[in-house]
Amino acid sequence: MFSKEDSRKLREEFWIAFGKSFPNKWTLYKTKVKGLSFKFHFNLKMAMVSIDVDSDLEQRVKVWDQLVALKSILIDEYLPEAIYEDFFILDNQKDISRIYVQIKDVSIHNKNSWRETMQFLNTSMYKIESFYEEYKDIIDS
């Protein structure tokens, strides 16, 4: 079992190593579409890369509808494993819309799973950003 401080250090170590292994200027929050962001997640059980839609209801529905309209393209050409959830509850009980891909049975506390996770995160985010670059005009219309 890890103390909170040990866990914090491992998380920090992982994200520093990830940034050094895969240096990139990710879009993340800089999509220029209100409420649309791309996120990395890595915890004790899984790793995930997501497209999050988190804004006022009208904007959220507008952006989500565009992403749903592009679903077959995203799945066929970029992320066949993508999961669409129009109502996704975050740990803080906030409701967002999310598209994500994940790998299970990896842990930020297990350094033996870090390389696989880093490759997954890098590849998945690259595909999300490639999709976004190609279709951002449609998503933001």
Foldseek 3Di string as FASTA:
>chain_A
DDDPVRLVVLVVVLVVVLCVVDPDDFCAPVLPQPQWGWDWDAAAWKTKIKIKRDDPPVSQVLLVVLCVVCVVVCCVPFNVQKDWDQFDQDPVRDTITMIMDMDTPAHSVDPVCSVVNSVVRNRNSVSVVVVCVVCVVSSRD
